[in-house]
């Protein structure tokens, strides 16, 4: 699991990160809308830097900041940024979210997070690019130890987001209702909701959510990843084809 993960336009080194490349981050980085042409982006809990790199590839954002508290992951994230074609637009801060909110006065047009939550490593039982099924206890530990309380994440996002900005996350499906409720308490309302399941017959495991300060009726989407083992749906392939080599 420690070998570099090659995408079409960049490579991720992940030997120093407990949180390896997984389906969740790549999905969110590919799904989030950049229609509002964000000038500035913030990735909270960047890990390897995968989502920030995806957004550097997808957007013309001039400022892409990442935040990572784990020292090893932070170092790795910086290396991955520097080795990418977009190093001049990417910057990683080594700080807690709390410290960051206190120090930063800028507002971001897009805030994105694949927050650590304690859940079995690959809820879909699917490893990216059809490698071995993921089962890694240090990874579970990373999720457990660094778990970022959702209320802290939501409140911080509301303080750092520009008036017309978007806040996007991927969370366990079972947390969706509670997360939306917490967000509405700080005037963040769902704009798009995409519920993800591994196969047509499996339960919904993840929710990808986009929030804004505008109260509208959210667009509801559904995504199924596989029809059978290693046979990916057209919707999934279309979503991630700009990134995965074999798509």
Protein backbone atom coordinates (compact mmCIF):
# COMPACT_ATOMS: atom_id res chain seq x y z
CA UNK A 1 0.00 0.00 0.00
CA UNK A 2 3.03 2.30 0.38
CA UNK A 3 4.05 2.56 -3.23
CA UNK A 4 3.40 5.82 -5.07
CA UNK A 5 -0.08 6.19 -6.51
CA UNK A 6 0.06 7.43 -10.08
CA UNK A 7 -2.75 9.54 -11.46
CA UNK A 8 -2.95 10.88 -15.01
CA UNK A 9 -1.36 14.25 -14.28
CA UNK A 10 0.35 13.79 -10.91
CA UNK A 11 1.76 11.19 -8.52
CA UNK A 12 1.01 10.81 -4.82
CA UNK A 13 3.65 9.48 -2.44
CA UNK A 14 1.87 8.03 0.59
CA UNK A 15 4.46 6.05 2.59
CA UNK A 16 4.43 8.57 5.49
CA UNK A 17 0.64 8.93 5.68
CA UNK A 18 -1.55 6.65 7.74
CA UNK A 19 -4.46 7.69 5.52
CA UNK A 20 -3.72 6.21 2.10
CA UNK A 21 -5.41 7.11 -1.16
CA UNK A 22 -8.99 5.83 -0.97
CA UNK A 23 -12.19 6.08 -2.93
CA UNK A 24 -13.66 8.83 -0.70
CA UNK A 25 -11.16 11.61 -1.32
CA UNK A 26 -10.90 11.03 -5.05
CA UNK A 27 -14.69 10.95 -5.38
CA UNK A 28 -15.12 14.25 -3.54
CA UNK A 29 -12.32 15.95 -5.45
CA UNK A 30 -13.90 14.90 -8.74
CA UNK A 31 -17.54 15.60 -7.76
CA UNK A 32 -17.42 19.03 -6.14
CA UNK A 33 -18.65 21.82 -8.40
CA UNK A 34 -16.22 24.52 -9.54
CA UNK A 35 -18.84 26.36 -11.58
CA UNK A 36 -18.40 29.46 -9.43
CA UNK A 37 -14.75 29.60 -10.63
CA UNK A 38 -13.19 29.73 -7.15
CA UNK A 39 -10.21 32.04 -6.80
CA UNK A 40 -9.25 30.53 -3.42
CA UNK A 41 -9.67 26.96 -2.12
CA UNK A 42 -9.01 25.40 1.28
CA UNK A 43 -8.65 21.66 1.89
CA UNK A 44 -9.11 20.88 5.60
CA UNK A 45 -7.28 17.73 6.78
CA UNK A 46 -5.35 17.34 3.56
CA UNK A 47 -3.51 14.06 4.24
CA UNK A 48 -1.49 13.27 1.11
CA UNK A 49 -2.89 16.39 -0.57
CA UNK A 50 -4.96 14.41 -3.07
CA UNK A 51 -8.07 16.63 -3.08
CA UNK A 52 -6.09 19.87 -3.34
CA UNK A 53 -4.16 18.39 -6.27
CA UNK A 54 -7.36 17.29 -8.01
CA UNK A 55 -8.73 20.81 -7.66
CA UNK A 56 -5.48 22.30 -8.96
CA UNK A 57 -5.92 20.08 -12.02
CA UNK A 58 -9.63 20.91 -12.45
CA UNK A 59 -9.70 24.63 -11.70
CA UNK A 60 -7.92 27.90 -12.35
CA UNK A 61 -7.92 28.80 -8.66
CA UNK A 62 -4.86 30.90 -7.95
CA UNK A 63 -4.67 30.09 -4.26
CA UNK A 64 -5.08 26.50 -3.05
CA UNK A 65 -4.33 26.10 0.64
CA UNK A 66 -4.27 22.85 2.57
CA UNK A 67 -4.30 22.26 6.31
CA UNK A 68 -2.78 19.20 7.96
CA UNK A 69 -2.04 18.65 11.66
CA UNK A 70 -0.14 15.33 11.48
CA UNK A 71 3.59 16.12 11.03
CA UNK A 72 4.34 13.17 8.72
CA UNK A 73 1.31 13.75 6.54
CA UNK A 74 2.14 17.47 6.42
CA UNK A 75 5.69 16.77 5.14
CA UNK A 76 4.35 14.32 2.60
CA UNK A 77 1.67 16.73 1.43
CA UNK A 78 4.31 19.42 0.82
CA UNK A 79 6.43 16.99 -1.22
CA UNK A 80 3.43 15.94 -3.29
CA UNK A 81 2.57 19.59 -3.95
CA UNK A 82 6.14 20.45 -4.94
CA UNK A 83 6.41 17.48 -7.29
CA UNK A 84 3.16 18.35 -9.08
CA UNK A 85 2.75 20.67 -12.09
CA UNK A 86 0.92 23.21 -9.87
CA UNK A 87 3.39 23.72 -7.03
CA UNK A 88 3.22 27.51 -7.34
CA UNK A 89 -0.54 27.51 -6.54
CA UNK A 90 -0.47 25.01 -3.67
CA UNK A 91 0.47 25.65 -0.05
CA UNK A 92 0.14 23.47 3.04
CA UNK A 93 -0.15 24.79 6.61
CA UNK A 94 0.94 22.69 9.59
CA UNK A 95 -1.63 23.67 12.22
CA UNK A 96 -4.81 22.64 13.92
CA UNK A 97 -8.07 23.90 12.51
CA UNK A 98 -8.60 25.96 15.65
CA UNK A 99 -5.21 27.72 15.28
CA UNK A 100 -5.82 28.28 11.59
CA UNK A 101 -9.22 29.92 12.13
CA UNK A 102 -7.71 32.25 14.72
CA UNK A 103 -4.84 33.35 12.47
CA UNK A 104 -6.30 33.51 8.98
CA UNK A 105 -8.34 36.52 7.97
CA UNK A 106 -8.89 35.51 4.35
CA UNK A 107 -12.14 33.99 3.16
CA UNK A 108 -12.23 31.06 0.75
CA UNK A 109 -14.51 30.53 -2.25
CA UNK A 110 -14.39 26.78 -1.81
CA UNK A 111 -13.71 24.83 1.39
CA UNK A 112 -13.47 21.09 1.04
CA UNK A 113 -12.86 18.27 3.51
CA UNK A 114 -12.74 14.49 3.65
CA UNK A 115 -12.81 14.59 7.45
CA UNK A 116 -11.34 11.72 9.43
CA UNK A 117 -14.20 9.76 10.99
CA UNK A 118 -14.01 6.38 12.61
CA UNK A 119 -15.31 3.85 10.14
CA UNK A 120 -13.85 0.74 8.58
CA UNK A 121 -11.20 1.88 6.10
CA UNK A 122 -13.02 1.25 2.85
CA UNK A 123 -16.72 1.18 3.46
CA UNK A 124 -17.24 0.05 -0.10
CA UNK A 125 -14.73 -2.79 0.19
CA UNK A 126 -13.38 -1.26 -2.99
CA UNK A 127 -9.83 -0.08 -3.32
CA UNK A 128 -9.09 2.54 -5.94
CA UNK A 129 -7.96 1.21 -9.33
CA UNK A 130 -9.06 -2.28 -8.30
CA UNK A 131 -6.12 -3.12 -6.05
CA UNK A 132 -6.47 -5.36 -3.00
CA UNK A 133 -9.40 -4.68 -0.68
CA UNK A 134 -8.30 -2.17 1.93
CA UNK A 135 -7.85 -3.41 5.47
CA UNK A 136 -5.31 -1.52 7.49
CA UNK A 137 -5.47 -1.01 11.22
CA UNK A 138 -3.06 1.95 11.33
CA UNK A 139 -5.41 3.62 8.90
CA UNK A 140 -8.37 2.94 11.18
CA UNK A 141 -6.32 4.35 14.02
CA UNK A 142 -5.60 7.50 12.03
CA UNK A 143 -9.29 8.01 11.49
CA UNK A 144 -10.00 7.40 15.17
CA UNK A 145 -7.17 9.45 16.68
CA UNK A 146 -7.46 12.44 14.42
CA UNK A 147 -11.22 12.40 14.18
CA UNK A 148 -12.26 15.96 13.55
CA UNK A 149 -15.49 16.73 15.38
CA UNK A 150 -18.10 17.61 12.78
CA UNK A 151 -19.35 20.59 14.79
CA UNK A 152 -15.83 22.09 14.87
CA UNK A 153 -15.41 21.51 11.13
CA UNK A 154 -18.78 23.09 10.30
CA UNK A 155 -18.32 26.12 12.54
CA UNK A 156 -14.80 26.74 11.20
CA UNK A 157 -16.01 26.44 7.60
CA UNK A 158 -18.75 28.99 8.26
CA UNK A 159 -16.14 31.45 9.54
CA UNK A 160 -13.68 30.90 6.66
CA UNK A 161 -16.16 30.76 3.77
CA UNK A 162 -16.81 33.73 1.49
CA UNK A 163 -20.41 34.96 1.20
CA UNK A 164 -20.99 33.16 -2.10
CA UNK A 165 -18.64 30.25 -1.33
CA UNK A 166 -19.23 26.50 -1.23
CA UNK A 167 -18.35 24.10 1.59
CA UNK A 168 -18.10 20.44 0.49
CA UNK A 169 -17.61 17.23 2.48
CA UNK A 170 -17.89 13.47 2.20
CA UNK A 171 -19.26 11.74 5.31
CA UNK A 172 -20.91 8.44 6.28
CA UNK A 173 -24.47 8.33 4.93
CA UNK A 174 -25.84 7.69 8.41
CA UNK A 175 -24.40 11.04 9.57
CA UNK A 176 -26.04 13.04 6.79
CA UNK A 177 -29.17 14.23 8.60
CA UNK A 178 -27.28 15.24 11.73
CA UNK A 179 -24.56 17.01 9.72
CA UNK A 180 -27.13 19.05 7.76
CA UNK A 181 -28.85 20.00 11.02
CA UNK A 182 -25.56 21.19 12.57
CA UNK A 183 -24.71 23.16 9.41
CA UNK A 184 -28.07 24.95 9.37
CA UNK A 185 -27.31 26.23 12.89
CA UNK A 186 -24.52 28.36 11.35
CA UNK A 187 -26.59 29.27 8.27
CA UNK A 188 -25.01 26.74 5.92
CA UNK A 189 -27.62 24.95 3.82
CA UNK A 190 -27.32 21.96 1.48
CA UNK A 191 -27.02 22.84 -2.19
CA UNK A 192 -26.21 19.40 -3.63
CA UNK A 193 -26.40 15.96 -2.04
CA UNK A 194 -24.96 12.84 -3.65
CA UNK A 195 -25.54 9.48 -1.97
CA UNK A 196 -23.00 6.82 -2.86
CA UNK A 197 -23.23 3.05 -2.76
CA UNK A 198 -20.69 0.41 -3.77
CA UNK A 199 -23.10 -1.67 -5.88
CA UNK A 200 -26.75 -1.41 -6.86
CA UNK A 201 -27.83 -3.80 -4.11
CA UNK A 202 -25.61 -2.47 -1.30
CA UNK A 203 -26.72 0.19 1.14
CA UNK A 204 -25.77 3.84 0.73
CA UNK A 205 -22.45 4.24 2.55
CA UNK A 206 -21.42 7.83 1.86
CA UNK A 207 -22.98 11.24 1.36
CA UNK A 208 -21.20 13.97 -0.54
CA UNK A 209 -22.61 17.35 0.45
CA UNK A 210 -22.22 20.87 -0.86
CA UNK A 211 -23.33 23.76 1.35
CA UNK A 212 -23.75 27.48 0.81
CA UNK A 213 -25.22 30.39 2.77
CA UNK A 214 -28.16 30.42 0.36
CA UNK A 215 -31.25 28.51 1.47
CA UNK A 216 -32.47 26.59 -1.58
CA UNK A 217 -33.94 23.22 -2.34
CA UNK A 218 -30.92 20.91 -2.73
CA UNK A 219 -30.25 18.89 -5.86
CA UNK A 220 -30.27 15.19 -4.93
CA UNK A 221 -28.00 12.80 -6.84
CA UNK A 222 -27.15 9.11 -6.54
CA UNK A 223 -23.95 7.32 -7.52
CA UNK A 224 -23.24 3.59 -7.77
CA UNK A 225 -19.56 2.66 -8.10
CA UNK A 226 -19.54 -0.92 -9.43
CA UNK A 227 -21.90 -3.24 -11.28
CA UNK A 228 -19.71 -6.17 -10.18
CA UNK A 229 -16.18 -6.57 -8.80
CA UNK A 230 -13.88 -4.24 -10.79
CA UNK A 231 -16.63 -3.44 -13.29
CA UNK A 232 -17.30 0.23 -12.79
CA UNK A 233 -20.51 2.03 -13.71
CA UNK A 234 -20.48 4.58 -16.51
CA UNK A 235 -21.41 7.34 -14.02
CA UNK A 236 -18.43 6.51 -11.82
CA UNK A 237 -16.02 6.24 -14.76
CA UNK A 238 -17.21 9.56 -16.13
CA UNK A 239 -16.64 11.19 -12.76
CA UNK A 240 -13.08 9.95 -12.16
CA UNK A 241 -11.73 9.38 -15.69
CA UNK A 242 -9.63 12.56 -15.65
CA UNK A 243 -7.66 11.13 -12.73
CA UNK A 244 -7.34 7.33 -12.68
CA UNK A 245 -4.95 5.87 -15.23
CA UNK A 246 -7.09 2.85 -16.03
CA UNK A 247 -10.41 4.64 -16.50
